[in-house]
C-alpha atoms as a PDB file:
ATOM      1  CA  MET A   1      33.245 -14.709  -8.726  1.00  0.00           C
ATOM      2  CA  THR A   2      34.866 -17.543 -10.641  1.00  0.00           C
ATOM      3  CA  THR A   3      33.653 -19.572 -13.560  1.00  0.00           C
ATOM      4  CA  PRO A   4      33.270 -23.357 -13.369  1.00  0.00           C
ATOM      5  CA  ASP A   5      36.037 -23.840 -15.929  1.00  0.00           C
ATOM      6  CA  SER A   6      38.562 -21.615 -14.128  1.00  0.00           C
ATOM      7  CA  PRO A   7      41.546 -23.248 -12.415  1.00  0.00           C
ATOM      8  CA  ILE A   8      40.186 -22.105  -9.031  1.00  0.00           C
ATOM      9  CA  GLY A   9      36.880 -23.945  -9.504  1.00  0.00           C
ATOM     10  CA  PRO A  10      33.317 -22.917  -8.853  1.00  0.00           C
ATOM     11  CA  GLY A  11      32.497 -19.966  -6.629  1.00  0.00           C
ATOM     12  CA  LEU A  12      32.112 -20.329  -2.906  1.00  0.00           C
ATOM     13  CA  GLY A  13      28.703 -21.658  -1.957  1.00  0.00           C
ATOM     14  CA  GLU A  14      27.537 -22.388  -5.503  1.00  0.00           C
ATOM     15  CA  GLY A  15      25.166 -25.289  -5.792  1.00  0.00           C
ATOM     16  CA  LEU A  16      24.336 -25.245  -2.087  1.00  0.00           C
ATOM     17  CA  PRO A  17      20.707 -24.965  -0.983  1.00  0.00           C
ATOM     18  CA  GLY A  18      19.703 -21.329  -0.775  1.00  0.00           C
ATOM     19  CA  SER A  19      22.535 -20.098  -2.998  1.00  0.00           C
ATOM     20  CA  VAL A  20      21.671 -17.793  -5.870  1.00  0.00           C
ATOM     21  CA  PRO A  21      22.081 -19.460  -9.251  1.00  0.00           C
ATOM     22  CA  ARG A  22      24.529 -17.862 -11.648  1.00  0.00           C
ATOM     23  CA  ARG A  23      23.193 -15.773 -14.541  1.00  0.00           C
ATOM     24  CA  PRO A  24      24.262 -16.872 -18.007  1.00  0.00           C
ATOM     25  CA  ARG A  25      26.525 -14.364 -19.710  1.00  0.00           C
ATOM     26  CA  GLY A  26      24.755 -11.752 -21.771  1.00  0.00           C
ATOM     27  CA  THR A  27      21.561 -11.765 -19.708  1.00  0.00           C
ATOM     28  CA  PRO A  28      20.710  -8.516 -17.966  1.00  0.00           C
ATOM     29  CA  ALA A  29      21.000  -8.238 -14.205  1.00  0.00           C
ATOM     30  CA  PRO A  30      17.676  -8.375 -12.358  1.00  0.00           C
ATOM     31  CA  GLN A  31      16.174  -5.005 -11.564  1.00  0.00           C
ATOM     32  CA  TYR A  32      15.632  -4.393  -7.870  1.00  0.00           C
ATOM     33  CA  VAL A  33      13.072  -1.835  -6.874  1.00  0.00           C
ATOM     34  CA  LEU A  34      13.915   0.043  -3.703  1.00  0.00           C
ATOM     35  CA  THR A  35      10.953   1.571  -1.919  1.00  0.00           C
ATOM     36  CA  GLU A  36      10.883   3.375   1.381  1.00  0.00           C
ATOM     37  CA  ASP A  37       9.785   0.073   2.954  1.00  0.00           C
ATOM     38  CA  THR A  38      12.781  -1.895   1.656  1.00  0.00           C
ATOM     39  CA  PRO A  39      14.951  -2.900   4.639  1.00  0.00           C
ATOM     40  CA  VAL A  40      18.509  -1.975   3.678  1.00  0.00           C
ATOM     41  CA  TYR A  41      20.193  -0.218   6.634  1.00  0.00           C
ATOM     42  CA  VAL A  42      22.071  -2.084   9.357  1.00  0.00           C
ATOM     43  CA  ILE A  43      21.658  -0.809  12.904  1.00  0.00           C
ATOM     44  CA  SER A  44      24.839   1.303  12.907  1.00  0.00           C
ATOM     45  CA  VAL A  45      23.828   3.141   9.728  1.00  0.00           C
ATOM     46  CA  ALA A  46      20.243   3.558  10.934  1.00  0.00           C
ATOM     47  CA  ALA A  47      21.542   4.960  14.232  1.00  0.00           C
ATOM     48  CA  GLU A  48      23.720   7.467  12.416  1.00  0.00           C
ATOM     49  CA  LEU A  49      20.925   8.505  10.034  1.00  0.00           C
ATOM     50  CA  SER A  50      18.431   8.954  12.857  1.00  0.00           C
ATOM     51  CA  GLY A  51      20.862  10.615  15.243  1.00  0.00           C
ATOM     52  CA  LEU A  52      20.315   8.015  17.964  1.00  0.00           C
ATOM     53  CA  HIS A  53      22.592   5.522  19.694  1.00  0.00           C
ATOM     54  CA  PRO A  54      22.354   1.894  18.483  1.00  0.00           C
ATOM     55  CA  GLN A  55      21.394   0.825  22.008  1.00  0.00           C
ATOM     56  CA  THR A  56      18.449   3.234  21.840  1.00  0.00           C
ATOM     57  CA  LEU A  57      17.332   1.592  18.596  1.00  0.00           C
ATOM     58  CA  ARG A  58      17.507  -1.826  20.264  1.00  0.00           C
ATOM     59  CA  GLN A  59      15.421  -0.504  23.174  1.00  0.00           C
ATOM     60  CA  TYR A  60      12.823   0.963  20.804  1.00  0.00           C
ATOM     61  CA  ASP A  61      12.659  -2.408  19.043  1.00  0.00           C
ATOM     62  CA  ARG A  62      12.114  -4.231  22.371  1.00  0.00           C
ATOM     63  CA  LEU A  63       9.356  -1.758  23.288  1.00  0.00           C
ATOM     64  CA  GLY A  64       7.708  -2.140  19.873  1.00  0.00           C
ATOM     65  CA  LEU A  65       8.077   1.516  18.902  1.00  0.00           C
ATOM     66  CA  VAL A  66       9.997   0.744  15.708  1.00  0.00           C
ATOM     67  CA  SER A  67      10.130  -2.844  14.472  1.00  0.00           C
ATOM     68  CA  PRO A  68      12.750  -3.360  11.767  1.00  0.00           C
ATOM     69  CA  ASP A  69      12.828  -6.422   9.547  1.00  0.00           C
ATOM     70  CA  ARG A  70      15.187  -9.254  10.426  1.00  0.00           C
ATOM     71  CA  THR A  71      17.699 -11.126   8.322  1.00  0.00           C
ATOM     72  CA  ALA A  72      18.043 -14.901   8.433  1.00  0.00           C
ATOM     73  CA  GLY A  73      20.758 -14.415  11.076  1.00  0.00           C
ATOM     74  CA  ARG A  74      18.329 -12.272  13.167  1.00  0.00           C
ATOM     75  CA  GLY A  75      20.170  -9.023  12.376  1.00  0.00           C
ATOM     76  CA  ARG A  76      18.068  -5.880  12.204  1.00  0.00           C
ATOM     77  CA  ARG A  77      17.519  -4.170   8.859  1.00  0.00           C
ATOM     78  CA  TYR A  78      15.915  -0.732   8.855  1.00  0.00           C
ATOM     79  CA  SER A  79      14.025   0.871   5.978  1.00  0.00           C
ATOM     80  CA  ALA A  80      13.783   4.571   5.155  1.00  0.00           C
ATOM     81  CA  ARG A  81      10.299   4.549   6.709  1.00  0.00           C
ATOM     82  CA  ASP A  82      11.748   3.046   9.921  1.00  0.00           C
ATOM     83  CA  ILE A  83      14.332   5.838  10.080  1.00  0.00           C
ATOM     84  CA  GLN A  84      11.602   8.468   9.629  1.00  0.00           C
ATOM     85  CA  GLN A  85       9.692   6.814  12.459  1.00  0.00           C
ATOM     86  CA  LEU A  86      12.808   6.847  14.661  1.00  0.00           C
ATOM     87  CA  ARG A  87      13.164  10.579  14.032  1.00  0.00           C
ATOM     88  CA  GLU A  88       9.491  11.093  14.890  1.00  0.00           C
ATOM     89  CA  VAL A  89       9.867   9.115  18.137  1.00  0.00           C
ATOM     90  CA  GLN A  90      12.875  11.248  19.032  1.00  0.00           C
ATOM     91  CA  ARG A  91      10.961  14.472  18.229  1.00  0.00           C
ATOM     92  CA  LEU A  92       7.919  13.443  20.276  1.00  0.00           C
ATOM     93  CA  SER A  93      10.114  12.430  23.185  1.00  0.00           C
ATOM     94  CA  GLN A  94      12.478  15.398  23.258  1.00  0.00           C
ATOM     95  CA  ASP A  95      10.447  18.292  21.839  1.00  0.00           C
ATOM     96  CA  GLU A  96       6.945  17.363  23.016  1.00  0.00           C
ATOM     97  CA  GLY A  97       7.915  15.648  26.278  1.00  0.00           C
ATOM     98  CA  ILE A  98       5.815  12.541  25.631  1.00  0.00           C
ATOM     99  CA  ASN A  99       6.897   9.348  27.386  1.00  0.00           C
ATOM    100  CA  LEU A 100       7.604   6.164  25.428  1.00  0.00           C
ATOM    101  CA  ALA A 101       4.293   4.515  26.372  1.00  0.00           C
ATOM    102  CA  GLY A 102       2.443   7.560  25.032  1.00  0.00           C
ATOM    103  CA  ILE A 103       4.516   7.519  21.857  1.00  0.00           C
ATOM    104  CA  LYS A 104       3.719   3.841  21.355  1.00  0.00           C
ATOM    105  CA  ARG A 105       0.001   4.603  21.695  1.00  0.00           C
ATOM    106  CA  ILE A 106       0.279   7.494  19.233  1.00  0.00           C
ATOM    107  CA  ILE A 107       2.006   5.233  16.697  1.00  0.00           C
ATOM    108  CA  GLU A 108      -0.649   2.536  17.153  1.00  0.00           C
ATOM    109  CA  LEU A 109      -3.430   5.076  16.605  1.00  0.00           C
ATOM    110  CA  GLU A 110      -1.709   6.530  13.522  1.00  0.00           C
ATOM    111  CA  ASN A 111      -1.348   3.018  12.082  1.00  0.00           C
ATOM    112  CA  GLN A 112      -5.009   2.341  12.816  1.00  0.00           C
ATOM    113  CA  VAL A 113      -6.069   5.584  11.120  1.00  0.00           C
ATOM    114  CA  ALA A 114      -3.952   4.732   8.066  1.00  0.00           C
ATOM    115  CA  ALA A 115      -5.508   1.256   7.878  1.00  0.00           C
ATOM    116  CA  LEU A 116      -9.006   2.699   8.162  1.00  0.00           C
ATOM    117  CA  GLN A 117      -8.295   5.290   5.480  1.00  0.00           C
ATOM    118  CA  ALA A 118      -7.054   2.536   3.182  1.00  0.00           C
ATOM    119  CA  ARG A 119     -10.209   0.537   3.891  1.00  0.00           C
ATOM    120  CA  VAL A 120     -12.426   3.561   3.163  1.00  0.00           C
ATOM    121  CA  ALA A 121     -10.626   4.088  -0.148  1.00  0.00           C
ATOM    122  CA  GLU A 122     -11.049   0.395  -0.960  1.00  0.00           C
ATOM    123  CA  LEU A 123     -14.774   0.529  -0.173  1.00  0.00           C
ATOM    124  CA  ALA A 124     -15.194   3.733  -2.195  1.00  0.00           C
ATOM    125  CA  ASP A 125     -13.574   2.020  -5.192  1.00  0.00           C
ATOM    126  CA  ALA A 126     -15.868  -0.981  -4.733  1.00  0.00           C
ATOM    127  CA  LEU A 127     -18.888   1.344  -4.538  1.00  0.00           C
ATOM    128  CA  ASP A 128     -17.829   3.127  -7.725  1.00  0.00           C
ATOM    129  CA  GLY A 129     -17.423  -0.233  -9.447  1.00  0.00           C
ATOM    130  CA  ALA A 130     -20.853  -1.373  -8.289  1.00  0.00           C
ATOM    131  CA  ALA A 131     -22.471   1.887  -9.467  1.00  0.00           C
ATOM    132  CA  THR A 132     -20.838   1.486 -12.876  1.00  0.00           C
ATOM    133  CA  ALA A 133     -22.045  -2.119 -13.107  1.00  0.00           C
ATOM    134  CA  ILE A 134     -25.605  -1.070 -12.218  1.00  0.00           C
ATOM    135  CA  GLN A 135     -25.552   1.671 -14.854  1.00  0.00           C
ATOM    136  CA  GLN A 136     -24.337  -0.833 -17.452  1.00  0.00           C
ATOM    137  CA  ARG A 137     -27.080  -3.303 -16.511  1.00  0.00           C
ATOM    138  CA  GLU A 138     -29.692  -0.547 -16.631  1.00  0.00           C
ATOM    139  CA  ALA A 139     -28.481   0.522 -20.077  1.00  0.00           C
ATOM    140  CA  ALA A 140     -28.637  -3.106 -21.247  1.00  0.00           C
ATOM    141  CA  VAL A 141     -32.235  -3.432 -20.005  1.00  0.00           C
ATOM    142  CA  HIS A 142     -33.261  -0.203 -21.729  1.00  0.00           C
ATOM    143  CA  ALA A 143     -31.575  -1.352 -24.931  1.00  0.00           C
ATOM    144  CA  SER A 144     -33.539  -4.602 -24.830  1.00  0.00           C
ATOM    145  CA  TYR A 145     -36.965  -2.929 -24.932  1.00  0.00           C
ATOM    146  CA  ARG A 146     -39.066  -3.915 -27.932  1.00  0.00           C
ATOM    147  CA  ARG A 147     -39.929  -0.572 -29.393  1.00  0.00           C
ATOM    148  CA  ASP A 148     -41.990  -2.065 -32.221  1.00  0.00           C
ATOM    149  CA  LEU A 149     -44.810  -3.005 -29.805  1.00  0.00           C
ATOM    150  CA  VAL A 150     -45.324   0.469 -28.467  1.00  0.00           C
ATOM    151  CA  PRO A 151     -47.851   2.498 -30.475  1.00  0.00           C
ATOM    152  CA  TYR A 152     -46.544   5.857 -31.401  1.00  0.00           C
ATOM    153  CA  GLN A 153     -48.844   8.810 -31.884  1.00  0.00           C
ATOM    154  CA  GLN A 154     -47.899  12.326 -32.605  1.00  0.00           C
ATOM    155  CA  VAL A 155     -49.189  14.481 -29.775  1.00  0.00           C
ATOM    156  CA  GLN A 156     -50.393  17.832 -30.910  1.00  0.00           C
ATOM    157  CA  GLN A 157     -49.729  20.740 -28.705  1.00  0.00           C
ATOM    158  CA  SER A 158     -52.720  22.986 -28.120  1.00  0.00           C
ATOM    159  CA  SER A 159     -53.150  26.188 -26.256  1.00  0.00           C
ATOM    160  CA  ALA A 160     -56.911  25.715 -25.719  1.00  0.00           C
ATOM    161  CA  LEU A 161     -58.270  26.217 -22.260  1.00  0.00           C
ATOM    162  CA  VAL A 162     -60.608  23.527 -20.937  1.00  0.00           C
ATOM    163  CA  VAL A 163     -62.778  24.146 -17.929  1.00  0.00           C
ATOM    164  CA  TRP A 164     -63.696  21.145 -15.877  1.00  0.00           C
ATOM    165  CA  ARG A 165     -66.762  21.071 -13.774  1.00  0.00           C
ATOM    166  CA  PRO A 166     -67.555  18.080 -11.613  1.00  0.00           C
ATOM    167  CA  LYS A 167     -71.009  16.524 -11.789  1.00  0.00           C
ATOM    168  CA  ARG A 168     -73.241  17.031  -8.777  1.00  0.00           C
END
């Protein structure tokens, strides 16, 4: 990368729409967080990591078994989660003998279960929050009682036995 005052001139593509602006010297580089959902692998690397042929990956993408992200140029980018899913598709197909339509249905059902579990957890958190809010409101109501209006009498404990007989 060149500097604007170098004899070569500004870097290639600088100042164009969509180009990344240059960081001033001395500022730290931005921190990128890579998760297992970050699409980083091109199709050849993903094929090698999953043990499949790139054409097989393209076929799985067309069938909707594994859907990688796309770059602006429509190139496929696979994440670590996509590669795990490719390995699972291969295992189900080769070891379990399940056809691709069955594998697609299994994946859809697993995704649905995961979404429902996330929703249950979300609703449980909302329920806990509502219970806490109710307890706080109840405590506020109890704290607002006017205790000076309630007559207080010391109740004496007695061990006397009283026999009650109804009138006839």
